[in-house]
Amino acid sequence: MGFYQFKATQNIPASKEEIWDFISSPKNLKEITPDYMGFDITSEHASDKMYQGMIITYKVSPLLGLKMDWMTEITHVREGEYFVDEQRVGPYNLWHHQHILIPTEHGVTMKDIVTYAPPFGPLGDIANAIMIRSKLKEIFAYRKKVIEEKWGIYEEKVIKEKAS
């Protein structure tokens, strides 16, 4: 069984507080997930803000439109800086996702580090090489696009500010 890591970084021309408010609210997960994944939160009475120990359950269709249950626990939170979600029930043998915010001169850098282990031993390793890794890239590319539509493109804002 292999262990893998996927990293994504996005510079956002918004304040750390704005981005934290957005990413730390479970209700926004659906907005940053591609529609074809059929993402639906099933937790009853979910809080508007993530907190350490929070359990979030949802249904998702990562492959072939097959619905599956997924449960994550928010295991670490440092308000305004980072949080970690870990799969408790779902398709992976291991899923550990760090969400990190770093203030910059023109906004914030959002870093994601996903450490994961696919199921099924050597077959999972093949699945990772064939589709899991590319599916993660696709999902994070979608999220990047949604965030750019919401807050703009970092590079354009930096160039405009320097020209002023």
C-alpha atoms as a PDB file:
ATOM      1  CA  MET A   1       0.000   0.000   0.000  1.00  0.00           C
ATOM      2  CA  GLY A   2       1.433   3.338  -1.050  1.00  0.00           C
ATOM      3  CA  PHE A   3       1.130   6.659   0.717  1.00  0.00           C
ATOM      4  CA  TYR A   4       0.852   9.772  -1.435  1.00  0.00           C
ATOM      5  CA  GLN A   5       0.806  13.492  -0.989  1.00  0.00           C
ATOM      6  CA  PHE A   6      -0.957  16.073  -3.100  1.00  0.00           C
ATOM      7  CA  LYS A   7      -0.190  19.778  -2.642  1.00  0.00           C
ATOM      8  CA  ALA A   8      -1.994  22.835  -3.972  1.00  0.00           C
ATOM      9  CA  THR A   9      -1.206  26.517  -3.469  1.00  0.00           C
ATOM     10  CA  GLN A  10      -3.344  29.493  -4.419  1.00  0.00           C
ATOM     11  CA  ASN A  11      -2.671  33.191  -3.934  1.00  0.00           C
ATOM     12  CA  ILE A  12      -5.892  35.102  -3.279  1.00  0.00           C
ATOM     13  CA  PRO A  13      -6.338  38.902  -3.348  1.00  0.00           C
ATOM     14  CA  ALA A  14      -8.467  38.969  -0.198  1.00  0.00           C
ATOM     15  CA  SER A  15      -7.921  39.284   3.517  1.00  0.00           C
ATOM     16  CA  LYS A  16      -7.085  36.287   5.662  1.00  0.00           C
ATOM     17  CA  GLU A  17     -10.320  36.899   7.584  1.00  0.00           C
ATOM     18  CA  GLU A  18     -12.464  36.764   4.414  1.00  0.00           C
ATOM     19  CA  ILE A  19     -10.888  33.531   3.240  1.00  0.00           C
ATOM     20  CA  TRP A  20     -10.991  31.958   6.707  1.00  0.00           C
ATOM     21  CA  ASP A  21     -14.697  32.780   7.042  1.00  0.00           C
ATOM     22  CA  PHE A  22     -15.307  31.076   3.705  1.00  0.00           C
ATOM     23  CA  ILE A  23     -13.181  27.929   4.055  1.00  0.00           C
ATOM     24  CA  SER A  24     -14.034  27.279   7.702  1.00  0.00           C
ATOM     25  CA  SER A  25     -17.759  27.048   6.989  1.00  0.00           C
ATOM     26  CA  PRO A  26     -18.936  23.539   6.045  1.00  0.00           C
ATOM     27  CA  LYS A  27     -21.836  24.998   4.054  1.00  0.00           C
ATOM     28  CA  ASN A  28     -19.314  26.308   1.472  1.00  0.00           C
ATOM     29  CA  LEU A  29     -17.870  22.853   0.726  1.00  0.00           C
ATOM     30  CA  LYS A  30     -20.522  22.181  -1.920  1.00  0.00           C
ATOM     31  CA  GLU A  31     -19.729  25.456  -3.711  1.00  0.00           C
ATOM     32  CA  ILE A  32     -16.054  24.524  -4.209  1.00  0.00           C
ATOM     33  CA  THR A  33     -16.761  20.911  -5.246  1.00  0.00           C
ATOM     34  CA  PRO A  34     -17.523  20.074  -8.893  1.00  0.00           C
ATOM     35  CA  ASP A  35     -21.232  19.387  -9.476  1.00  0.00           C
ATOM     36  CA  TYR A  36     -20.580  15.981 -11.065  1.00  0.00           C
ATOM     37  CA  MET A  37     -19.360  14.741  -7.660  1.00  0.00           C
ATOM     38  CA  GLY A  38     -22.883  15.014  -6.237  1.00  0.00           C
ATOM     39  CA  PHE A  39     -21.583  16.425  -2.946  1.00  0.00           C
ATOM     40  CA  ASP A  40     -24.247  16.699  -0.239  1.00  0.00           C
ATOM     41  CA  ILE A  41     -23.706  17.268   3.487  1.00  0.00           C
ATOM     42  CA  THR A  42     -25.813  14.806   5.474  1.00  0.00           C
ATOM     43  CA  SER A  43     -24.842  15.929   8.999  1.00  0.00           C
ATOM     44  CA  GLU A  44     -27.844  17.189  10.886  1.00  0.00           C
ATOM     45  CA  HIS A  45     -27.542  20.531  12.641  1.00  0.00           C
ATOM     46  CA  ALA A  46     -24.051  21.200  11.332  1.00  0.00           C
ATOM     47  CA  SER A  47     -22.383  24.260  12.815  1.00  0.00           C
ATOM     48  CA  ASP A  48     -21.706  27.268  10.588  1.00  0.00           C
ATOM     49  CA  LYS A  49     -18.047  27.180  11.662  1.00  0.00           C
ATOM     50  CA  MET A  50     -15.639  24.290  11.920  1.00  0.00           C
ATOM     51  CA  TYR A  51     -14.292  23.430  15.344  1.00  0.00           C
ATOM     52  CA  GLN A  52     -11.931  20.808  16.681  1.00  0.00           C
ATOM     53  CA  GLY A  53     -13.777  17.520  17.084  1.00  0.00           C
ATOM     54  CA  MET A  54     -16.518  18.425  14.588  1.00  0.00           C
ATOM     55  CA  ILE A  55     -17.809  15.456  12.582  1.00  0.00           C
ATOM     56  CA  ILE A  56     -19.107  16.138   9.069  1.00  0.00           C
ATOM     57  CA  THR A  57     -20.902  13.449   7.085  1.00  0.00           C
ATOM     58  CA  TYR A  58     -21.743  13.676   3.430  1.00  0.00           C
ATOM     59  CA  LYS A  59     -22.507  11.742   0.292  1.00  0.00           C
ATOM     60  CA  VAL A  60     -20.204  12.065  -2.668  1.00  0.00           C
ATOM     61  CA  SER A  61     -19.825  10.396  -6.073  1.00  0.00           C
ATOM     62  CA  PRO A  62     -16.106  10.512  -6.861  1.00  0.00           C
ATOM     63  CA  LEU A  63     -16.227   7.814  -9.559  1.00  0.00           C
ATOM     64  CA  LEU A  64     -18.796   6.536 -12.026  1.00  0.00           C
ATOM     65  CA  GLY A  65     -21.649   8.377 -10.302  1.00  0.00           C
ATOM     66  CA  LEU A  66     -21.678   5.868  -7.435  1.00  0.00           C
ATOM     67  CA  LYS A  67     -22.820   7.531  -4.194  1.00  0.00           C
ATOM     68  CA  MET A  68     -20.763   6.766  -1.130  1.00  0.00           C
ATOM     69  CA  ASP A  69     -20.775   7.892   2.471  1.00  0.00           C
ATOM     70  CA  TRP A  70     -17.852   9.903   3.741  1.00  0.00           C
ATOM     71  CA  MET A  71     -17.224  11.092   7.292  1.00  0.00           C
ATOM     72  CA  THR A  72     -14.509  13.510   8.292  1.00  0.00           C
ATOM     73  CA  GLU A  73     -13.435  14.830  11.655  1.00  0.00           C
ATOM     74  CA  ILE A  74     -11.918  18.277  12.102  1.00  0.00           C
ATOM     75  CA  THR A  75      -8.935  17.258  14.206  1.00  0.00           C
ATOM     76  CA  HIS A  76      -6.988  20.524  14.529  1.00  0.00           C
ATOM     77  CA  VAL A  77      -8.001  24.174  14.314  1.00  0.00           C
ATOM     78  CA  ARG A  78      -5.955  27.310  14.829  1.00  0.00           C
ATOM     79  CA  GLU A  79      -8.446  30.114  14.214  1.00  0.00           C
ATOM     80  CA  GLY A  80      -7.598  32.123  11.100  1.00  0.00           C
ATOM     81  CA  GLU A  81      -4.487  30.054  10.337  1.00  0.00           C
ATOM     82  CA  TYR A  82      -5.250  26.405   9.602  1.00  0.00           C
ATOM     83  CA  PHE A  83      -7.448  23.404  10.134  1.00  0.00           C
ATOM     84  CA  VAL A  84      -7.078  19.697   9.443  1.00  0.00           C
ATOM     85  CA  ASP A  85      -9.755  17.271   8.359  1.00  0.00           C
ATOM     86  CA  GLU A  86      -9.253  13.508   8.553  1.00  0.00           C
ATOM     87  CA  GLN A  87     -11.441  10.837   7.030  1.00  0.00           C
ATOM     88  CA  ARG A  88     -13.087   8.557   9.576  1.00  0.00           C
ATOM     89  CA  VAL A  89     -15.304   6.650   7.114  1.00  0.00           C
ATOM     90  CA  GLY A  90     -14.859   6.688   3.354  1.00  0.00           C
ATOM     91  CA  PRO A  91     -13.007   5.363   0.349  1.00  0.00           C
ATOM     92  CA  TYR A  92      -9.406   5.855   1.498  1.00  0.00           C
ATOM     93  CA  ASN A  93      -7.289   3.901   3.957  1.00  0.00           C
ATOM     94  CA  LEU A  94      -5.881   7.291   5.016  1.00  0.00           C
ATOM     95  CA  TRP A  95      -7.007  10.863   4.266  1.00  0.00           C
ATOM     96  CA  HIS A  96      -5.379  13.768   6.118  1.00  0.00           C
ATOM     97  CA  HIS A  97      -6.026  17.229   4.642  1.00  0.00           C
ATOM     98  CA  GLN A  98      -4.294  20.353   5.963  1.00  0.00           C
ATOM     99  CA  HIS A  99      -5.779  23.755   5.013  1.00  0.00           C
ATOM    100  CA  ILE A 100      -3.265  26.544   5.727  1.00  0.00           C
ATOM    101  CA  LEU A 101      -3.605  30.337   5.312  1.00  0.00           C
ATOM    102  CA  ILE A 102      -0.548  32.586   5.135  1.00  0.00           C
ATOM    103  CA  PRO A 103      -1.001  36.375   4.947  1.00  0.00           C
ATOM    104  CA  THR A 104       0.912  38.107   2.147  1.00  0.00           C
ATOM    105  CA  GLU A 105       1.440  41.704   1.087  1.00  0.00           C
ATOM    106  CA  HIS A 106      -1.454  41.531  -1.387  1.00  0.00           C
ATOM    107  CA  GLY A 107      -3.784  39.025   0.226  1.00  0.00           C
ATOM    108  CA  VAL A 108      -3.350  35.474   1.399  1.00  0.00           C
ATOM    109  CA  THR A 109      -1.712  32.269   0.229  1.00  0.00           C
ATOM    110  CA  MET A 110      -3.853  29.206   0.767  1.00  0.00           C
ATOM    111  CA  LYS A 111      -1.961  25.919   0.931  1.00  0.00           C
ATOM    112  CA  ASP A 112      -3.468  22.470   0.943  1.00  0.00           C
ATOM    113  CA  ILE A 113      -1.542  19.334   1.784  1.00  0.00           C
ATOM    114  CA  VAL A 114      -3.445  16.095   1.303  1.00  0.00           C
ATOM    115  CA  THR A 115      -1.770  12.915   2.516  1.00  0.00           C
ATOM    116  CA  TYR A 116      -3.676   9.835   1.439  1.00  0.00           C
ATOM    117  CA  ALA A 117      -3.509   6.089   0.928  1.00  0.00           C
ATOM    118  CA  PRO A 118      -5.868   4.480  -1.578  1.00  0.00           C
ATOM    119  CA  PRO A 119      -7.537   1.179  -0.664  1.00  0.00           C
ATOM    120  CA  PHE A 120      -6.803  -2.225  -2.216  1.00  0.00           C
ATOM    121  CA  GLY A 121      -3.003  -2.299  -1.826  1.00  0.00           C
ATOM    122  CA  PRO A 122      -1.204  -2.573  -5.196  1.00  0.00           C
ATOM    123  CA  LEU A 123      -4.490  -2.071  -7.082  1.00  0.00           C
ATOM    124  CA  GLY A 124      -4.942   1.225  -5.218  1.00  0.00           C
ATOM    125  CA  ASP A 125      -1.438   2.242  -6.285  1.00  0.00           C
ATOM    126  CA  ILE A 126      -2.372   1.584  -9.911  1.00  0.00           C
ATOM    127  CA  ALA A 127      -5.661   3.471  -9.455  1.00  0.00           C
ATOM    128  CA  ASN A 128      -3.709   6.411  -8.043  1.00  0.00           C
ATOM    129  CA  ALA A 129      -1.403   6.471 -11.065  1.00  0.00           C
ATOM    130  CA  ILE A 130      -4.287   6.140 -13.525  1.00  0.00           C
ATOM    131  CA  MET A 131      -7.000   8.339 -12.032  1.00  0.00           C
ATOM    132  CA  ILE A 132      -6.958   9.332  -8.341  1.00  0.00           C
ATOM    133  CA  ARG A 133      -4.110  11.849  -8.610  1.00  0.00           C
ATOM    134  CA  SER A 134      -5.542  13.413 -11.772  1.00  0.00           C
ATOM    135  CA  LYS A 135      -8.998  13.574 -10.139  1.00  0.00           C
ATOM    136  CA  LEU A 136      -7.489  15.462  -7.174  1.00  0.00           C
ATOM    137  CA  LYS A 137      -5.823  17.906  -9.592  1.00  0.00           C
ATOM    138  CA  GLU A 138      -9.171  18.407 -11.333  1.00  0.00           C
ATOM    139  CA  ILE A 139     -11.047  19.010  -8.060  1.00  0.00           C
ATOM    140  CA  PHE A 140      -8.487  21.559  -6.836  1.00  0.00           C
ATOM    141  CA  ALA A 141      -8.438  23.276 -10.253  1.00  0.00           C
ATOM    142  CA  TYR A 142     -12.207  23.642  -9.953  1.00  0.00           C
ATOM    143  CA  ARG A 143     -11.861  25.090  -6.455  1.00  0.00           C
ATOM    144  CA  LYS A 144      -9.215  27.534  -7.704  1.00  0.00           C
ATOM    145  CA  LYS A 145     -11.559  28.707 -10.455  1.00  0.00           C
ATOM    146  CA  VAL A 146     -14.456  29.228  -8.003  1.00  0.00           C
ATOM    147  CA  ILE A 147     -12.233  31.227  -5.661  1.00  0.00           C
ATOM    148  CA  GLU A 148     -10.860  33.342  -8.532  1.00  0.00           C
ATOM    149  CA  GLU A 149     -14.429  34.096  -9.656  1.00  0.00           C
ATOM    150  CA  LYS A 150     -15.299  35.133  -6.103  1.00  0.00           C
ATOM    151  CA  TRP A 151     -12.196  37.215  -5.227  1.00  0.00           C
ATOM    152  CA  GLY A 152     -10.345  37.814  -8.490  1.00  0.00           C
ATOM    153  CA  ILE A 153      -6.935  36.792  -9.713  1.00  0.00           C
ATOM    154  CA  TYR A 154      -4.052  37.601  -7.388  1.00  0.00           C
ATOM    155  CA  GLU A 155      -1.516  38.400 -10.111  1.00  0.00           C
ATOM    156  CA  GLU A 156      -3.782  40.974 -11.823  1.00  0.00           C
ATOM    157  CA  LYS A 157      -4.401  42.766  -8.519  1.00  0.00           C
ATOM    158  CA  VAL A 158      -0.689  42.876  -7.678  1.00  0.00           C
ATOM    159  CA  ILE A 159       0.146  44.313 -11.114  1.00  0.00           C
ATOM    160  CA  LYS A 160      -2.608  46.959 -10.814  1.00  0.00           C
ATOM    161  CA  GLU A 161      -1.438  47.988  -7.325  1.00  0.00           C
ATOM    162  CA  LYS A 162       2.175  48.313  -8.476  1.00  0.00           C
ATOM    163  CA  ALA A 163       1.101  50.466 -11.433  1.00  0.00           C
ATOM    164  CA  SER A 164      -0.833  52.876  -9.181  1.00  0.00           C
END
